């Protein structure tokens, strides 16, 4: 059995995957900037290439307040979906990826804006290290479900009635974690999810659930970095 990779090794894979995806960015594009420890490397390289004159006339739509700050620090011009409702290319990460390129996202709490951006982009490029690959969603990572603070405990009970082990996410000081939109996140351990599409439809129909971390059929390209190097896969 292969030895588990060290944190230093995983950090290197993250950087390799994130930077690899920047080759798909072209001057003049509107680019979605995803959240996370892998996608951040793409953001920083895009900023570097803008400053070096290798990329011009780039506009970016950030998926979180913190990513907007990072982009501004890197000199990446920002725009909005109101000004540019169709994004040319988005580079984002994932917490878990199945063989069909379906995803669990939301470990960083930006799933609502990430899903809005993903649904508005022509080409969604997902960048991950090899530890995020999974035979079935829910095997390695809980499913984040963003809920309104009003009546949040009723959503917890509903999700538990579906068989999930549910915890409300907490912040750095033990307070309830709140998203950029002011909502709570319930981390739900369903175990391996047999039918992600059915679960997604059920969650989508529940009042009080704002968004869930199942990103199904949205990935166009998957970039994976691991012991075998960096690999680029295209969805069929």
Protein backbone atom coordinates (compact mmCIF):
# COMPACT_ATOMS: atom_id res chain seq x y z
CA UNK A 1 0.00 0.00 0.00
CA UNK A 2 1.33 3.42 -0.97
CA UNK A 3 2.48 5.65 1.85
CA UNK A 4 0.21 8.64 2.43
CA UNK A 5 1.66 11.83 0.93
CA UNK A 6 3.06 14.42 3.30
CA UNK A 7 1.46 17.83 3.70
CA UNK A 8 4.45 19.33 1.88
CA UNK A 9 3.91 16.96 -1.05
CA UNK A 10 0.19 17.76 -1.22
CA UNK A 11 0.98 21.48 -1.13
CA UNK A 12 3.29 20.99 -4.13
CA UNK A 13 0.59 19.09 -6.02
CA UNK A 14 -1.90 21.87 -5.32
CA UNK A 15 0.44 24.48 -6.74
CA UNK A 16 1.18 22.35 -9.82
CA UNK A 17 -2.51 21.78 -10.58
CA UNK A 18 -3.50 25.40 -10.03
CA UNK A 19 -0.71 26.83 -12.14
CA UNK A 20 -1.24 24.28 -14.94
CA UNK A 21 -4.77 25.54 -15.52
CA UNK A 22 -3.60 29.08 -16.26
CA UNK A 23 -2.52 27.94 -19.73
CA UNK A 24 -6.22 27.93 -20.68
CA UNK A 25 -6.56 31.65 -19.91
CA UNK A 26 -6.33 33.99 -22.89
CA UNK A 27 -6.10 37.77 -23.12
CA UNK A 28 -9.50 39.42 -23.30
CA UNK A 29 -11.26 36.77 -21.23
CA UNK A 30 -13.69 37.16 -18.38
CA UNK A 31 -12.39 34.68 -15.80
CA UNK A 32 -14.09 33.21 -12.75
CA UNK A 33 -11.77 32.97 -9.75
CA UNK A 34 -12.55 30.04 -7.47
CA UNK A 35 -11.90 29.70 -3.78
CA UNK A 36 -9.47 27.31 -2.09
CA UNK A 37 -5.90 26.24 -1.50
CA UNK A 38 -5.44 24.92 -5.07
CA UNK A 39 -7.30 27.54 -7.09
CA UNK A 40 -5.42 30.31 -5.27
CA UNK A 41 -2.25 29.31 -7.16
CA UNK A 42 -4.04 29.97 -10.45
CA UNK A 43 -5.14 33.39 -9.22
CA UNK A 44 -1.61 34.35 -8.22
CA UNK A 45 -0.12 33.20 -11.53
CA UNK A 46 -2.78 35.10 -13.48
CA UNK A 47 -1.84 38.20 -11.50
CA UNK A 48 1.83 37.65 -12.22
CA UNK A 49 1.18 37.24 -15.94
CA UNK A 50 -0.93 40.40 -16.03
CA UNK A 51 1.86 42.37 -14.38
CA UNK A 52 4.37 40.90 -16.84
CA UNK A 53 2.21 41.83 -19.82
CA UNK A 54 1.62 38.20 -20.83
CA UNK A 55 -2.13 38.53 -20.24
CA UNK A 56 -4.05 41.67 -21.18
CA UNK A 57 -7.62 42.91 -20.84
CA UNK A 58 -8.53 40.28 -18.25
CA UNK A 59 -11.59 40.81 -16.09
CA UNK A 60 -12.34 38.53 -13.17
CA UNK A 61 -15.44 37.50 -11.22
CA UNK A 62 -14.42 36.39 -7.70
CA UNK A 63 -16.37 33.70 -5.84
CA UNK A 64 -15.89 35.17 -2.37
CA UNK A 65 -15.08 38.39 -0.56
CA UNK A 66 -11.64 37.05 0.38
CA UNK A 67 -10.87 36.07 -3.22
CA UNK A 68 -11.86 39.56 -4.34
CA UNK A 69 -9.28 40.95 -1.91
CA UNK A 70 -6.62 38.51 -3.15
CA UNK A 71 -7.33 39.49 -6.76
CA UNK A 72 -7.07 43.17 -5.98
CA UNK A 73 -3.74 42.62 -4.25
CA UNK A 74 -2.51 40.80 -7.38
CA UNK A 75 -3.66 43.61 -9.65
CA UNK A 76 -6.40 41.59 -11.35
CA UNK A 77 -9.26 43.86 -12.52
CA UNK A 78 -12.64 42.76 -11.17
CA UNK A 79 -16.09 42.79 -12.72
CA UNK A 80 -19.54 41.46 -11.88
CA UNK A 81 -22.04 39.05 -13.36
CA UNK A 82 -24.36 42.00 -13.91
CA UNK A 83 -21.78 43.55 -16.24
CA UNK A 84 -20.66 40.22 -17.73
CA UNK A 85 -23.35 37.55 -17.26
CA UNK A 86 -21.38 34.98 -19.25
CA UNK A 87 -17.91 33.97 -18.02
CA UNK A 88 -15.42 32.57 -20.52
CA UNK A 89 -13.45 30.36 -18.13
CA UNK A 90 -13.52 29.56 -14.42
CA UNK A 91 -10.73 27.90 -12.46
CA UNK A 92 -11.93 26.40 -9.20
CA UNK A 93 -11.10 23.61 -6.77
CA UNK A 94 -13.12 20.79 -5.22
CA UNK A 95 -13.23 18.80 -2.01
CA UNK A 96 -14.10 15.50 -3.71
CA UNK A 97 -14.32 14.36 -7.34
CA UNK A 98 -15.93 11.17 -8.62
CA UNK A 99 -15.11 9.34 -11.89
CA UNK A 100 -17.87 11.24 -13.73
CA UNK A 101 -16.31 14.60 -12.70
CA UNK A 102 -19.16 15.31 -10.29
CA UNK A 103 -18.02 17.26 -7.25
CA UNK A 104 -18.54 18.02 -3.61
CA UNK A 105 -17.61 21.64 -2.95
CA UNK A 106 -18.07 24.05 -0.09
CA UNK A 107 -15.40 23.10 2.39
CA UNK A 108 -14.27 26.73 2.34
CA UNK A 109 -17.80 28.06 2.63
CA UNK A 110 -18.05 29.76 -0.78
CA UNK A 111 -20.37 27.20 -2.41
CA UNK A 112 -23.24 29.59 -3.20
CA UNK A 113 -21.17 32.03 -5.23
CA UNK A 114 -19.11 29.17 -6.66
CA UNK A 115 -22.24 27.48 -7.99
CA UNK A 116 -23.62 30.72 -9.43
CA UNK A 117 -20.31 31.33 -11.20
CA UNK A 118 -20.05 27.71 -12.39
CA UNK A 119 -23.54 27.86 -13.89
CA UNK A 120 -22.60 31.09 -15.69
CA UNK A 121 -19.33 29.89 -17.23
CA UNK A 122 -18.64 28.42 -20.64
CA UNK A 123 -15.72 26.31 -19.43
CA UNK A 124 -15.34 25.16 -15.83
CA UNK A 125 -11.81 23.95 -15.06
CA UNK A 126 -11.48 22.07 -11.75
CA UNK A 127 -8.03 21.78 -10.21
CA UNK A 128 -7.26 19.24 -7.47
CA UNK A 129 -4.50 17.21 -5.93
CA UNK A 130 -4.81 13.44 -6.19
CA UNK A 131 -6.16 12.99 -2.65
CA UNK A 132 -9.47 14.54 -3.76
CA UNK A 133 -10.31 11.70 -6.18
CA UNK A 134 -12.98 9.35 -4.90
CA UNK A 135 -14.89 6.33 -6.21
CA UNK A 136 -18.15 7.86 -4.94
CA UNK A 137 -19.06 11.29 -3.58
CA UNK A 138 -19.46 11.33 0.18
CA UNK A 139 -16.80 8.68 0.73
CA UNK A 140 -14.13 11.14 1.84
CA UNK A 141 -15.90 14.40 2.58
CA UNK A 142 -19.16 15.58 4.18
CA UNK A 143 -21.68 17.40 2.03
CA UNK A 144 -21.95 21.11 2.91
CA UNK A 145 -25.51 22.43 2.86
CA UNK A 146 -26.01 26.19 3.17
CA UNK A 147 -29.20 27.12 5.01
CA UNK A 148 -30.97 30.26 6.12
CA UNK A 149 -30.42 31.10 9.80
CA UNK A 150 -34.20 31.32 10.17
CA UNK A 151 -35.37 27.83 11.11
CA UNK A 152 -31.93 26.29 10.58
CA UNK A 153 -32.60 23.60 13.20
CA UNK A 154 -35.58 22.36 11.19
CA UNK A 155 -33.23 21.83 8.24
CA UNK A 156 -30.87 19.94 10.53
CA UNK A 157 -33.71 17.66 11.59
CA UNK A 158 -34.81 17.18 7.98
CA UNK A 159 -31.31 16.20 6.88
CA UNK A 160 -30.97 13.83 9.83
CA UNK A 161 -34.27 12.21 8.84
CA UNK A 162 -32.60 11.45 5.49
CA UNK A 163 -29.89 9.50 7.31
CA UNK A 164 -27.15 12.15 7.55
CA UNK A 165 -24.99 12.92 10.53
CA UNK A 166 -25.26 16.70 10.69
CA UNK A 167 -23.10 19.33 12.36
CA UNK A 168 -23.52 23.08 12.13
CA UNK A 169 -20.17 24.52 11.09
CA UNK A 170 -18.48 26.75 13.65
CA UNK A 171 -16.10 29.65 13.17
CA UNK A 172 -12.62 30.28 14.50
CA UNK A 173 -13.83 31.24 17.98
CA UNK A 174 -16.57 28.64 18.28
CA UNK A 175 -19.32 30.92 17.00
CA UNK A 176 -21.70 29.75 14.23
CA UNK A 177 -19.89 30.01 10.91
CA UNK A 178 -21.60 32.40 8.49
CA UNK A 179 -21.08 32.62 4.75
CA UNK A 180 -20.57 35.79 2.72
CA UNK A 181 -24.37 35.81 2.30
CA UNK A 182 -24.92 35.57 6.06
CA UNK A 183 -26.13 31.97 6.06
CA UNK A 184 -25.17 28.91 8.12
CA UNK A 185 -23.54 25.73 6.79
CA UNK A 186 -24.58 22.26 7.89
CA UNK A 187 -21.92 19.62 7.17
CA UNK A 188 -23.76 16.40 6.40
CA UNK A 189 -22.18 12.96 6.46
CA UNK A 190 -24.36 10.78 4.27
CA UNK A 191 -21.58 8.28 3.60
CA UNK A 192 -21.04 7.22 -0.02
CA UNK A 193 -23.90 8.78 -2.00
CA UNK A 194 -25.49 6.19 -4.27
CA UNK A 195 -27.53 8.62 -6.37
CA UNK A 196 -26.17 12.20 -6.24
CA UNK A 197 -28.73 13.49 -8.76
CA UNK A 198 -31.65 12.25 -6.68
CA UNK A 199 -30.20 13.72 -3.49
CA UNK A 200 -29.54 17.04 -5.23
CA UNK A 201 -33.13 17.23 -6.48
CA UNK A 202 -34.48 16.50 -2.99
CA UNK A 203 -32.31 19.21 -1.42
CA UNK A 204 -33.15 21.71 -4.16
CA UNK A 205 -36.86 21.29 -3.38
CA UNK A 206 -36.56 22.06 0.36
CA UNK A 207 -37.45 25.59 1.50
CA UNK A 208 -34.75 27.02 3.74
CA UNK A 209 -31.92 25.21 1.97
CA UNK A 210 -30.15 27.90 -0.03
CA UNK A 211 -27.66 25.69 -1.87
CA UNK A 212 -25.84 22.39 -1.47
CA UNK A 213 -22.33 21.30 -2.34
CA UNK A 214 -23.23 18.77 -5.04
CA UNK A 215 -21.89 20.19 -8.30
CA UNK A 216 -23.18 17.80 -10.94
CA UNK A 217 -22.48 18.00 -14.66
CA UNK A 218 -20.74 21.38 -14.38
CA UNK A 219 -17.09 20.34 -14.91
CA UNK A 220 -15.64 20.65 -18.41
CA UNK A 221 -11.97 20.03 -17.56
CA UNK A 222 -10.29 18.31 -14.62
CA UNK A 223 -6.64 18.94 -13.78
CA UNK A 224 -5.12 16.50 -11.27
CA UNK A 225 -1.63 16.61 -9.78
CA UNK A 226 -0.23 13.64 -7.86
CA UNK A 227 2.65 11.18 -7.90
CA UNK A 228 2.10 10.58 -11.61
CA UNK A 229 2.56 14.27 -12.41
CA UNK A 230 -0.07 16.66 -13.76
CA UNK A 231 -2.88 15.23 -15.87
CA UNK A 232 -5.59 17.03 -17.83
CA UNK A 233 -8.90 15.25 -18.44
CA UNK A 234 -11.78 16.53 -20.54
CA UNK A 235 -15.37 15.63 -19.72
CA UNK A 236 -17.15 13.61 -22.38
